[in-house]
Amino acid sequence: MTIAKWIPSLVSLKLCCTLAYGQPNTLVLVPINNPALNEYDLRRMAVDKNYNLWLGTDNGIVKYDGNRL
């Protein structure tokens, strides 16, 4: 077989592997019904390795662990 016959197969294999094992670039935000969060004007958000949510506000930084600020 010539290399020209292998190219479509290799491209298809690469595409299948990329679609099967690639991580989606999506971020899902679940609404939080915490009245204390309404007091802040949020500017930035970040998540640390312990899954704490760090919020940059107009008055400083706030840490949210899922239960308390």
N, C-alpha and C. Protein backbone atom coordinates (compact mmCIF):
# COMPACT_ATOMS: atom_id res chain seq x y z
N MET A 1 0.84 -1.19 0.00
CA MET A 1 0.00 0.00 0.00
C MET A 1 0.87 1.24 0.00
N THR A 2 0.39 2.24 -0.65
CA THR A 2 1.13 3.49 -0.68
C THR A 2 0.71 4.36 0.50
N ILE A 3 1.52 5.34 0.76
CA ILE A 3 1.25 6.26 1.88
C ILE A 3 -0.04 7.06 1.66
N ALA A 4 -0.38 7.30 0.39
CA ALA A 4 -1.60 8.06 0.08
C ALA A 4 -2.85 7.33 0.56
N LYS A 5 -2.81 6.01 0.61
CA LYS A 5 -3.97 5.25 1.09
C LYS A 5 -4.06 5.25 2.61
N TRP A 6 -2.96 5.47 3.29
CA TRP A 6 -2.93 5.47 4.75
C TRP A 6 -3.34 6.81 5.35
N ILE A 7 -3.17 7.88 4.62
CA ILE A 7 -3.42 9.23 5.16
C ILE A 7 -4.86 9.40 5.64
N PRO A 8 -5.89 9.04 4.86
CA PRO A 8 -7.26 9.20 5.39
C PRO A 8 -7.51 8.38 6.66
N SER A 9 -6.95 7.20 6.73
CA SER A 9 -7.12 6.37 7.92
C SER A 9 -6.46 7.01 9.13
N LEU A 10 -5.27 7.53 8.96
CA LEU A 10 -4.56 8.17 10.07
C LEU A 10 -5.27 9.43 10.53
N VAL A 11 -5.78 10.21 9.60
CA VAL A 11 -6.52 11.42 9.97
C VAL A 11 -7.79 11.05 10.74
N SER A 12 -8.49 10.02 10.28
CA SER A 12 -9.70 9.58 10.97
C SER A 12 -9.39 9.07 12.37
N LEU A 13 -8.30 8.31 12.52
CA LEU A 13 -7.89 7.81 13.82
C LEU A 13 -7.55 8.96 14.77
N LYS A 14 -6.82 9.94 14.27
CA LYS A 14 -6.45 11.10 15.09
C LYS A 14 -7.70 11.87 15.53
N LEU A 15 -8.63 12.05 14.63
CA LEU A 15 -9.86 12.76 14.95
C LEU A 15 -10.68 12.01 16.00
N CYS A 16 -10.79 10.70 15.87
CA CYS A 16 -11.54 9.90 16.83
C CYS A 16 -10.90 9.96 18.22
N CYS A 17 -9.57 9.86 18.26
CA CYS A 17 -8.87 9.91 19.54
C CYS A 17 -9.03 11.28 20.21
N THR A 18 -8.97 12.33 19.42
CA THR A 18 -9.12 13.67 19.97
C THR A 18 -10.53 13.88 20.53
N LEU A 19 -11.52 13.42 19.81
CA LEU A 19 -12.90 13.58 20.27
C LEU A 19 -13.21 12.69 21.47
N ALA A 20 -12.61 11.52 21.52
CA ALA A 20 -12.90 10.58 22.60
C ALA A 20 -12.21 10.96 23.90
N TYR A 21 -10.98 11.46 23.82
CA TYR A 21 -10.20 11.69 25.02
C TYR A 21 -9.94 13.16 25.33
N GLY A 22 -10.37 14.04 24.49
CA GLY A 22 -10.16 15.46 24.74
C GLY A 22 -11.09 15.97 25.83
N GLN A 23 -10.62 16.93 26.59
CA GLN A 23 -11.44 17.53 27.63
C GLN A 23 -12.16 18.74 27.06
N PRO A 24 -13.44 18.86 27.34
CA PRO A 24 -14.16 20.02 26.84
C PRO A 24 -13.74 21.29 27.58
N ASN A 25 -13.74 22.38 26.89
CA ASN A 25 -13.39 23.67 27.48
C ASN A 25 -14.66 24.38 27.92
N THR A 26 -15.36 23.76 28.85
CA THR A 26 -16.60 24.36 29.34
C THR A 26 -16.51 24.58 30.84
N LEU A 27 -17.21 25.55 31.29
CA LEU A 27 -17.31 25.85 32.71
C LEU A 27 -18.78 25.93 33.04
N VAL A 28 -19.22 25.12 33.97
CA VAL A 28 -20.63 25.10 34.37
C VAL A 28 -20.75 25.81 35.71
N LEU A 29 -21.52 26.86 35.73
CA LEU A 29 -21.76 27.59 36.96
C LEU A 29 -23.17 27.27 37.47
N VAL A 30 -23.23 26.80 38.68
CA VAL A 30 -24.51 26.48 39.30
C VAL A 30 -24.92 27.68 40.14
N PRO A 31 -26.14 28.16 39.98
CA PRO A 31 -26.58 29.32 40.77
C PRO A 31 -26.48 29.06 42.27
N ILE A 32 -25.99 30.03 43.00
CA ILE A 32 -25.85 29.93 44.45
C ILE A 32 -26.83 30.91 45.08
N ASN A 33 -27.70 30.38 45.90
CA ASN A 33 -28.68 31.21 46.58
C ASN A 33 -28.17 31.58 47.97
N ASN A 34 -27.17 32.42 48.01
CA ASN A 34 -26.60 32.86 49.28
C ASN A 34 -26.78 34.37 49.34
N PRO A 35 -27.62 34.87 50.24
CA PRO A 35 -27.88 36.30 50.29
C PRO A 35 -26.63 37.12 50.59
N ALA A 36 -25.65 36.54 51.27
CA ALA A 36 -24.43 37.29 51.59
C ALA A 36 -23.64 37.65 50.33
N LEU A 37 -23.76 36.82 49.29
CA LEU A 37 -23.05 37.12 48.04
C LEU A 37 -23.62 38.32 47.31
N ASN A 38 -24.86 38.67 47.60
CA ASN A 38 -25.48 39.82 46.94
C ASN A 38 -24.86 41.14 47.40
N GLU A 39 -24.11 41.11 48.50
CA GLU A 39 -23.49 42.33 49.02
C GLU A 39 -22.24 42.74 48.23
N TYR A 40 -21.72 41.85 47.40
CA TYR A 40 -20.44 42.10 46.73
C TYR A 40 -20.63 42.39 45.25
N ASP A 41 -19.79 43.27 44.75
CA ASP A 41 -19.72 43.55 43.32
C ASP A 41 -18.55 42.73 42.78
N LEU A 42 -18.85 41.58 42.17
CA LEU A 42 -17.81 40.64 41.75
C LEU A 42 -17.08 41.14 40.51
N ARG A 43 -15.76 41.03 40.54
CA ARG A 43 -14.91 41.43 39.43
C ARG A 43 -14.21 40.24 38.77
N ARG A 44 -13.70 39.31 39.58
CA ARG A 44 -12.96 38.14 39.10
C ARG A 44 -13.32 36.92 39.94
N MET A 45 -13.10 35.73 39.35
CA MET A 45 -13.31 34.48 40.08
C MET A 45 -12.14 33.54 39.79
N ALA A 46 -11.78 32.73 40.79
CA ALA A 46 -10.75 31.71 40.63
C ALA A 46 -11.08 30.56 41.57
N VAL A 47 -10.60 29.37 41.22
CA VAL A 47 -10.79 28.19 42.04
C VAL A 47 -9.42 27.62 42.38
N ASP A 48 -9.20 27.29 43.67
CA ASP A 48 -7.92 26.71 44.05
C ASP A 48 -8.01 25.18 44.02
N LYS A 49 -6.90 24.51 44.37
CA LYS A 49 -6.85 23.05 44.27
C LYS A 49 -7.77 22.35 45.28
N ASN A 50 -8.23 23.05 46.30
CA ASN A 50 -9.17 22.50 47.27
C ASN A 50 -10.62 22.83 46.91
N TYR A 51 -10.83 23.36 45.72
CA TYR A 51 -12.15 23.72 45.19
C TYR A 51 -12.82 24.84 45.97
N ASN A 52 -12.02 25.70 46.57
CA ASN A 52 -12.56 26.92 47.17
C ASN A 52 -12.70 27.95 46.06
N LEU A 53 -13.75 28.70 46.12
CA LEU A 53 -13.99 29.75 45.14
C LEU A 53 -13.49 31.07 45.71
N TRP A 54 -12.57 31.70 45.01
CA TRP A 54 -12.03 33.00 45.43
C TRP A 54 -12.65 34.05 44.53
N LEU A 55 -13.23 35.05 45.15
CA LEU A 55 -13.94 36.10 44.43
C LEU A 55 -13.23 37.43 44.62
N GLY A 56 -12.88 38.05 43.53
CA GLY A 56 -12.33 39.39 43.59
C GLY A 56 -13.47 40.39 43.52
N THR A 57 -13.56 41.25 44.52
CA THR A 57 -14.65 42.23 44.58
C THR A 57 -14.07 43.64 44.54
N ASP A 58 -14.95 44.61 44.55
CA ASP A 58 -14.50 46.00 44.58
C ASP A 58 -13.91 46.38 45.93
N ASN A 59 -14.14 45.54 46.97
CA ASN A 59 -13.61 45.83 48.31
C ASN A 59 -12.51 44.88 48.74
N GLY A 60 -12.08 43.96 47.89
CA GLY A 60 -11.03 43.02 48.25
C GLY A 60 -11.34 41.61 47.77
N ILE A 61 -10.75 40.61 48.44
CA ILE A 61 -10.90 39.21 48.05
C ILE A 61 -11.77 38.49 49.07
N VAL A 62 -12.65 37.62 48.58
CA VAL A 62 -13.54 36.84 49.42
C VAL A 62 -13.34 35.36 49.06
N LYS A 63 -13.25 34.51 50.08
CA LYS A 63 -13.14 33.06 49.87
C LYS A 63 -14.51 32.43 50.18
N TYR A 64 -14.99 31.61 49.25
CA TYR A 64 -16.26 30.93 49.44
C TYR A 64 -16.00 29.43 49.33
N ASP A 65 -16.27 28.67 50.38
CA ASP A 65 -16.00 27.23 50.40
C ASP A 65 -17.23 26.39 50.08
N GLY A 66 -18.30 27.01 49.69
CA GLY A 66 -19.54 26.30 49.38
C GLY A 66 -20.59 26.48 50.46
N ASN A 67 -20.15 26.86 51.67
CA ASN A 67 -21.08 27.06 52.77
C ASN A 67 -21.00 28.46 53.37
N ARG A 68 -19.79 28.95 53.49
CA ARG A 68 -19.62 30.25 54.15
C ARG A 68 -18.59 31.10 53.43
N LEU A 69 -18.70 32.39 53.66
CA LEU A 69 -17.77 33.35 53.06
C LEU A 69 -16.69 33.69 54.06
